[in-house]
């Protein structure tokens, strides 16, 4: 195996490109494999796997899970996950709910300080 990137994000979380575009860009860059590790979601994995099959590049189903340790935010990378696991996806829904509430509080604080923008 040649070059790989084991920490790639798509627009399923905070990336710029769709899972399809991410795989195409990786292939065009000469990579042999990538791990799609979006934040707290597996939403792009199926699309990436489908495209990879046609482009002869390996996509490792992955995730980057937000967590904390001793009050410090940490991110944990997981590889070769089961993106269809009900247990995993239920847990991820909980993390997204927490992040959504946190973002709403931050937005309110910005608005209270005179910054006018929306959650979108």
N, C-alpha and C. Protein backbone atom coordinates (compact mmCIF):
# COMPACT_ATOMS: atom_id res chain seq x y z
N UNK A 1 0.84 -1.18 0.00
CA UNK A 1 0.00 0.00 0.00
C UNK A 1 0.88 1.24 0.00
N UNK A 2 0.43 2.26 -0.69
CA UNK A 2 1.15 3.52 -0.79
C UNK A 2 0.70 4.51 0.27
N UNK A 3 0.21 5.66 -0.18
CA UNK A 3 -0.14 6.74 0.73
C UNK A 3 -1.60 6.65 1.16
N UNK A 4 -1.83 6.97 2.45
CA UNK A 4 -3.18 6.95 3.02
C UNK A 4 -3.39 8.20 3.86
N UNK A 5 -4.64 8.57 4.06
CA UNK A 5 -5.02 9.64 4.98
C UNK A 5 -6.10 9.07 5.87
N UNK A 6 -5.81 8.94 7.15
CA UNK A 6 -6.72 8.29 8.08
C UNK A 6 -7.57 9.27 8.90
N UNK A 7 -7.66 10.51 8.43
CA UNK A 7 -8.46 11.51 9.17
C UNK A 7 -9.04 12.51 8.17
N UNK A 8 -10.14 12.12 7.53
CA UNK A 8 -10.75 12.91 6.46
C UNK A 8 -12.19 13.24 6.84
N UNK A 9 -12.59 14.50 6.60
CA UNK A 9 -13.96 14.94 6.87
C UNK A 9 -14.66 15.31 5.58
N UNK A 10 -15.97 15.08 5.56
CA UNK A 10 -16.81 15.51 4.44
C UNK A 10 -17.81 16.53 4.95
N UNK A 11 -18.68 16.99 4.05
CA UNK A 11 -19.70 17.94 4.49
C UNK A 11 -20.80 17.29 5.32
N UNK A 12 -20.67 15.99 5.59
CA UNK A 12 -21.58 15.35 6.54
C UNK A 12 -21.33 15.88 7.95
N UNK A 13 -20.13 16.45 8.18
CA UNK A 13 -19.86 17.15 9.44
C UNK A 13 -19.30 18.53 9.12
N UNK A 14 -18.03 18.74 9.33
CA UNK A 14 -17.48 20.09 9.15
C UNK A 14 -16.55 20.21 7.95
N UNK A 15 -16.60 19.27 7.02
CA UNK A 15 -15.79 19.35 5.81
C UNK A 15 -16.46 20.22 4.76
N UNK A 16 -15.74 20.47 3.70
CA UNK A 16 -16.22 21.33 2.62
C UNK A 16 -16.86 20.53 1.50
N UNK A 17 -16.36 19.34 1.24
CA UNK A 17 -16.77 18.56 0.07
C UNK A 17 -17.68 17.39 0.46
N UNK A 18 -18.51 16.97 -0.49
CA UNK A 18 -19.37 15.80 -0.28
C UNK A 18 -18.49 14.56 -0.15
N UNK A 19 -19.02 13.48 0.39
CA UNK A 19 -18.24 12.23 0.44
C UNK A 19 -17.75 11.80 -0.94
N UNK A 20 -18.57 11.96 -1.96
CA UNK A 20 -18.15 11.63 -3.33
C UNK A 20 -16.94 12.46 -3.73
N UNK A 21 -17.01 13.75 -3.51
CA UNK A 21 -15.91 14.63 -3.88
C UNK A 21 -14.65 14.32 -3.08
N UNK A 22 -14.80 13.99 -1.81
CA UNK A 22 -13.65 13.64 -0.98
C UNK A 22 -12.92 12.44 -1.56
N UNK A 23 -13.67 11.41 -1.93
CA UNK A 23 -13.06 10.21 -2.50
C UNK A 23 -12.40 10.54 -3.83
N UNK A 24 -13.06 11.30 -4.68
CA UNK A 24 -12.48 11.69 -5.97
C UNK A 24 -11.21 12.50 -5.78
N UNK A 25 -11.21 13.43 -4.85
CA UNK A 25 -10.01 14.24 -4.58
C UNK A 25 -8.87 13.37 -4.07
N UNK A 26 -9.19 12.42 -3.20
CA UNK A 26 -8.16 11.51 -2.67
C UNK A 26 -7.55 10.68 -3.79
N UNK A 27 -8.40 10.16 -4.66
CA UNK A 27 -7.92 9.36 -5.79
C UNK A 27 -7.03 10.21 -6.69
N UNK A 28 -7.48 11.43 -7.00
CA UNK A 28 -6.71 12.33 -7.87
C UNK A 28 -5.39 12.75 -7.24
N UNK A 29 -5.34 12.75 -5.91
CA UNK A 29 -4.10 13.10 -5.21
C UNK A 29 -3.13 11.93 -5.12
N UNK A 30 -3.57 10.75 -5.60
CA UNK A 30 -2.69 9.59 -5.60
C UNK A 30 -2.76 8.75 -4.33
N UNK A 31 -3.77 8.99 -3.50
CA UNK A 31 -3.90 8.18 -2.29
C UNK A 31 -4.46 6.81 -2.64
N UNK A 32 -4.05 5.82 -1.86
CA UNK A 32 -4.56 4.46 -2.04
C UNK A 32 -5.73 4.17 -1.11
N UNK A 33 -5.81 4.93 -0.01
CA UNK A 33 -6.90 4.71 0.96
C UNK A 33 -7.11 5.96 1.78
N UNK A 34 -8.35 6.11 2.24
CA UNK A 34 -8.69 7.16 3.20
C UNK A 34 -9.63 6.55 4.24
N UNK A 35 -9.66 7.17 5.40
CA UNK A 35 -10.68 6.84 6.39
C UNK A 35 -11.58 8.06 6.50
N UNK A 36 -12.86 7.89 6.21
CA UNK A 36 -13.82 8.97 6.37
C UNK A 36 -14.21 9.01 7.84
N UNK A 37 -13.78 10.07 8.53
CA UNK A 37 -13.95 10.17 9.99
C UNK A 37 -14.67 11.46 10.35
N UNK A 38 -15.88 11.60 9.87
CA UNK A 38 -16.65 12.79 10.19
C UNK A 38 -16.97 12.85 11.68
N UNK A 39 -17.21 14.08 12.16
CA UNK A 39 -17.53 14.30 13.57
C UNK A 39 -18.91 13.76 13.92
N UNK A 40 -18.94 12.78 14.79
CA UNK A 40 -20.17 12.29 15.42
C UNK A 40 -21.25 11.87 14.44
N UNK A 41 -20.85 11.43 13.25
CA UNK A 41 -21.82 10.94 12.28
C UNK A 41 -21.18 9.93 11.33
N UNK A 42 -22.01 9.02 10.87
CA UNK A 42 -21.58 8.07 9.85
C UNK A 42 -22.32 8.34 8.54
N UNK A 43 -22.97 9.49 8.45
CA UNK A 43 -23.88 9.79 7.34
C UNK A 43 -23.23 9.71 5.96
N UNK A 44 -21.94 9.97 5.84
CA UNK A 44 -21.31 9.97 4.53
C UNK A 44 -20.62 8.67 4.13
N UNK A 45 -20.58 7.72 5.04
CA UNK A 45 -19.79 6.50 4.80
C UNK A 45 -20.32 5.68 3.63
N UNK A 46 -21.62 5.44 3.58
CA UNK A 46 -22.16 4.62 2.48
C UNK A 46 -21.85 5.22 1.11
N UNK A 47 -22.04 6.53 1.00
CA UNK A 47 -21.75 7.21 -0.28
C UNK A 47 -20.28 7.07 -0.64
N UNK A 48 -19.40 7.29 0.33
CA UNK A 48 -17.96 7.19 0.07
C UNK A 48 -17.57 5.78 -0.34
N UNK A 49 -18.13 4.78 0.31
CA UNK A 49 -17.82 3.39 -0.03
C UNK A 49 -18.27 3.06 -1.45
N UNK A 50 -19.43 3.55 -1.84
CA UNK A 50 -19.95 3.29 -3.19
C UNK A 50 -19.05 3.91 -4.25
N UNK A 51 -18.65 5.14 -4.06
CA UNK A 51 -17.77 5.82 -5.02
C UNK A 51 -16.41 5.14 -5.07
N UNK A 52 -15.89 4.78 -3.90
CA UNK A 52 -14.58 4.15 -3.83
C UNK A 52 -14.54 2.85 -4.61
N UNK A 53 -15.62 2.11 -4.56
CA UNK A 53 -15.72 0.85 -5.28
C UNK A 53 -15.47 1.06 -6.78
N UNK A 54 -16.00 2.14 -7.33
CA UNK A 54 -15.87 2.42 -8.76
C UNK A 54 -14.53 3.07 -9.12
N UNK A 55 -13.86 3.66 -8.13
CA UNK A 55 -12.59 4.36 -8.41
C UNK A 55 -11.36 3.57 -7.99
N UNK A 56 -11.56 2.38 -7.45
CA UNK A 56 -10.43 1.55 -7.03
C UNK A 56 -9.56 2.24 -5.99
N UNK A 57 -10.22 2.75 -4.95
CA UNK A 57 -9.54 3.32 -3.80
C UNK A 57 -10.24 2.76 -2.56
N UNK A 58 -9.49 2.50 -1.52
CA UNK A 58 -10.09 1.95 -0.31
C UNK A 58 -10.61 3.06 0.58
N UNK A 59 -11.83 2.91 1.05
CA UNK A 59 -12.38 3.81 2.07
C UNK A 59 -12.62 2.99 3.33
N UNK A 60 -12.02 3.43 4.40
CA UNK A 60 -12.18 2.79 5.70
C UNK A 60 -13.31 3.51 6.43
N UNK A 61 -14.38 2.81 6.79
CA UNK A 61 -15.46 3.46 7.52
C UNK A 61 -14.95 3.89 8.90
N UNK A 62 -15.08 5.17 9.18
CA UNK A 62 -14.57 5.67 10.44
C UNK A 62 -15.46 6.74 11.03
N UNK A 63 -15.00 7.28 12.14
CA UNK A 63 -15.73 8.33 12.85
C UNK A 63 -14.77 9.06 13.76
N UNK A 64 -15.08 10.31 14.05
CA UNK A 64 -14.37 11.07 15.08
C UNK A 64 -15.41 11.44 16.13
N UNK A 65 -15.29 10.82 17.30
CA UNK A 65 -16.28 11.00 18.35
C UNK A 65 -15.78 12.06 19.33
N UNK A 66 -16.65 13.02 19.61
CA UNK A 66 -16.33 14.06 20.59
C UNK A 66 -16.55 13.49 21.99
N UNK A 67 -15.63 13.83 22.88
CA UNK A 67 -15.74 13.36 24.26
C UNK A 67 -15.02 14.36 25.15
N UNK A 68 -14.90 14.02 26.41
CA UNK A 68 -14.12 14.86 27.32
C UNK A 68 -13.44 13.97 28.35
N UNK A 69 -12.33 14.48 28.84
CA UNK A 69 -11.57 13.78 29.88
C UNK A 69 -11.04 14.82 30.84
N UNK A 70 -11.38 14.70 32.10
CA UNK A 70 -10.97 15.67 33.12
C UNK A 70 -11.28 17.10 32.70
N UNK A 71 -12.46 17.29 32.09
CA UNK A 71 -12.88 18.64 31.70
C UNK A 71 -12.28 19.16 30.42
N UNK A 72 -11.49 18.33 29.74
CA UNK A 72 -10.87 18.74 28.48
C UNK A 72 -11.53 18.01 27.33
N UNK A 73 -11.93 18.77 26.29
CA UNK A 73 -12.54 18.14 25.13
C UNK A 73 -11.49 17.35 24.37
N UNK A 74 -11.83 16.13 24.03
CA UNK A 74 -10.95 15.29 23.22
C UNK A 74 -11.76 14.68 22.09
N UNK A 75 -11.07 14.28 21.05
CA UNK A 75 -11.71 13.63 19.91
C UNK A 75 -11.06 12.28 19.72
N UNK A 76 -11.89 11.26 19.59
CA UNK A 76 -11.42 9.88 19.48
C UNK A 76 -11.73 9.37 18.08
N UNK A 77 -10.70 8.91 17.38
CA UNK A 77 -10.90 8.35 16.05
C UNK A 77 -11.20 6.87 16.15
N UNK A 78 -12.20 6.45 15.38
CA UNK A 78 -12.55 5.03 15.30
C UNK A 78 -12.46 4.57 13.85
N UNK A 79 -11.90 3.40 13.64
CA UNK A 79 -11.71 2.88 12.29
C UNK A 79 -12.40 1.52 12.15
N UNK A 80 -12.81 1.21 10.92
CA UNK A 80 -13.47 -0.06 10.60
C UNK A 80 -14.72 -0.25 11.46
N UNK A 81 -15.48 0.84 11.60
CA UNK A 81 -16.70 0.79 12.39
C UNK A 81 -17.83 0.15 11.58
N UNK A 82 -18.87 -0.24 12.27
CA UNK A 82 -20.11 -0.68 11.62
C UNK A 82 -21.01 0.54 11.56
N UNK A 83 -21.03 1.20 10.41
CA UNK A 83 -21.76 2.45 10.27
C UNK A 83 -23.27 2.27 10.38
N UNK A 84 -23.74 1.04 10.38
CA UNK A 84 -25.18 0.76 10.49
C UNK A 84 -25.58 0.29 11.89
N UNK A 85 -24.63 0.28 12.81
CA UNK A 85 -24.91 -0.18 14.17
C UNK A 85 -25.95 0.72 14.83
N UNK A 86 -27.05 0.10 15.30
CA UNK A 86 -28.10 0.86 15.98
C UNK A 86 -27.58 1.46 17.28
N UNK A 87 -26.76 0.72 17.99
CA UNK A 87 -26.21 1.21 19.27
C UNK A 87 -25.34 2.44 19.01
N UNK A 88 -24.46 2.35 18.03
CA UNK A 88 -23.59 3.48 17.69
C UNK A 88 -24.42 4.69 17.28
N UNK A 89 -25.36 4.50 16.39
CA UNK A 89 -26.12 5.63 15.86
C UNK A 89 -27.03 6.27 16.90
N UNK A 90 -27.55 5.49 17.85
CA UNK A 90 -28.32 6.07 18.95
C UNK A 90 -27.42 6.93 19.83
N UNK A 91 -26.22 6.45 20.11
CA UNK A 91 -25.26 7.24 20.89
C UNK A 91 -24.87 8.52 20.18
N UNK A 92 -24.71 8.44 18.87
CA UNK A 92 -24.34 9.63 18.09
C UNK A 92 -25.46 10.67 18.11
N UNK A 93 -26.72 10.22 18.09
CA UNK A 93 -27.83 11.16 18.18
C UNK A 93 -27.74 11.96 19.46
N UNK A 94 -27.37 11.29 20.55
CA UNK A 94 -27.23 11.97 21.84
C UNK A 94 -26.13 13.04 21.76
N UNK A 95 -25.00 12.71 21.15
CA UNK A 95 -23.91 13.69 21.02
C UNK A 95 -24.32 14.88 20.17
N UNK A 96 -25.05 14.64 19.09
CA UNK A 96 -25.51 15.72 18.23
C UNK A 96 -26.49 16.62 18.98
N UNK A 97 -27.36 16.02 19.79
CA UNK A 97 -28.30 16.83 20.59
C UNK A 97 -27.55 17.73 21.55
N UNK A 98 -26.52 17.20 22.20
CA UNK A 98 -25.71 18.01 23.12
C UNK A 98 -25.05 19.16 22.37
N UNK A 99 -24.46 18.86 21.20
CA UNK A 99 -23.78 19.90 20.43
C UNK A 99 -24.77 20.96 19.94
N UNK A 100 -25.97 20.54 19.55
CA UNK A 100 -26.98 21.49 19.08
C UNK A 100 -27.37 22.45 20.20
N UNK A 101 -27.60 21.93 21.38
CA UNK A 101 -27.93 22.79 22.52
C UNK A 101 -26.78 23.74 22.85
N UNK A 102 -25.55 23.24 22.81
CA UNK A 102 -24.38 24.07 23.08
C UNK A 102 -24.27 25.19 22.05
N UNK A 103 -24.49 24.87 20.78
CA UNK A 103 -24.42 25.87 19.72
C UNK A 103 -25.50 26.94 19.89
N UNK A 104 -26.69 26.53 20.30
CA UNK A 104 -27.77 27.50 20.52
C UNK A 104 -27.42 28.47 21.63
N UNK A 105 -26.80 27.97 22.71
CA UNK A 105 -26.37 28.83 23.82
C UNK A 105 -25.30 29.80 23.34
N UNK A 106 -24.32 29.30 22.57
CA UNK A 106 -23.26 30.18 22.07
C UNK A 106 -23.83 31.25 21.15
N UNK A 107 -24.77 30.87 20.28
CA UNK A 107 -25.39 31.82 19.37
C UNK A 107 -26.10 32.91 20.15
N UNK A 108 -26.84 32.53 21.18
CA UNK A 108 -27.54 33.51 22.01
C UNK A 108 -26.56 34.48 22.64
N UNK A 109 -25.44 34.00 23.12
CA UNK A 109 -24.43 34.87 23.73
C UNK A 109 -23.87 35.86 22.70
N UNK A 110 -23.61 35.38 21.47
CA UNK A 110 -23.15 36.28 20.41
C UNK A 110 -24.19 37.33 20.12
N UNK A 111 -25.44 36.91 20.01
CA UNK A 111 -26.52 37.86 19.70
C UNK A 111 -26.68 38.88 20.82
N UNK A 112 -26.55 38.43 22.06
CA UNK A 112 -26.63 39.35 23.20
C UNK A 112 -25.52 40.39 23.17
N UNK A 113 -24.38 40.03 22.56
CA UNK A 113 -23.24 40.94 22.44
C UNK A 113 -23.30 41.77 21.16
N UNK A 114 -24.40 41.66 20.40
CA UNK A 114 -24.58 42.51 19.22
C UNK A 114 -24.20 41.88 17.90
N UNK A 115 -23.77 40.63 17.90
CA UNK A 115 -23.44 39.94 16.64
C UNK A 115 -24.71 39.29 16.12
N UNK A 116 -25.17 39.71 14.97
CA UNK A 116 -26.42 39.21 14.42
C UNK A 116 -26.18 38.22 13.30
N UNK A 117 -26.24 36.96 13.63
CA UNK A 117 -26.20 35.92 12.63
C UNK A 117 -27.02 34.75 13.14
N UNK A 118 -27.30 33.81 12.26
CA UNK A 118 -28.17 32.70 12.62
C UNK A 118 -27.37 31.41 12.79
N UNK A 119 -28.01 30.41 13.30
CA UNK A 119 -27.38 29.11 13.49
C UNK A 119 -26.94 28.51 12.16
N UNK A 120 -27.67 28.79 11.10
CA UNK A 120 -27.31 28.27 9.79
C UNK A 120 -25.97 28.82 9.38
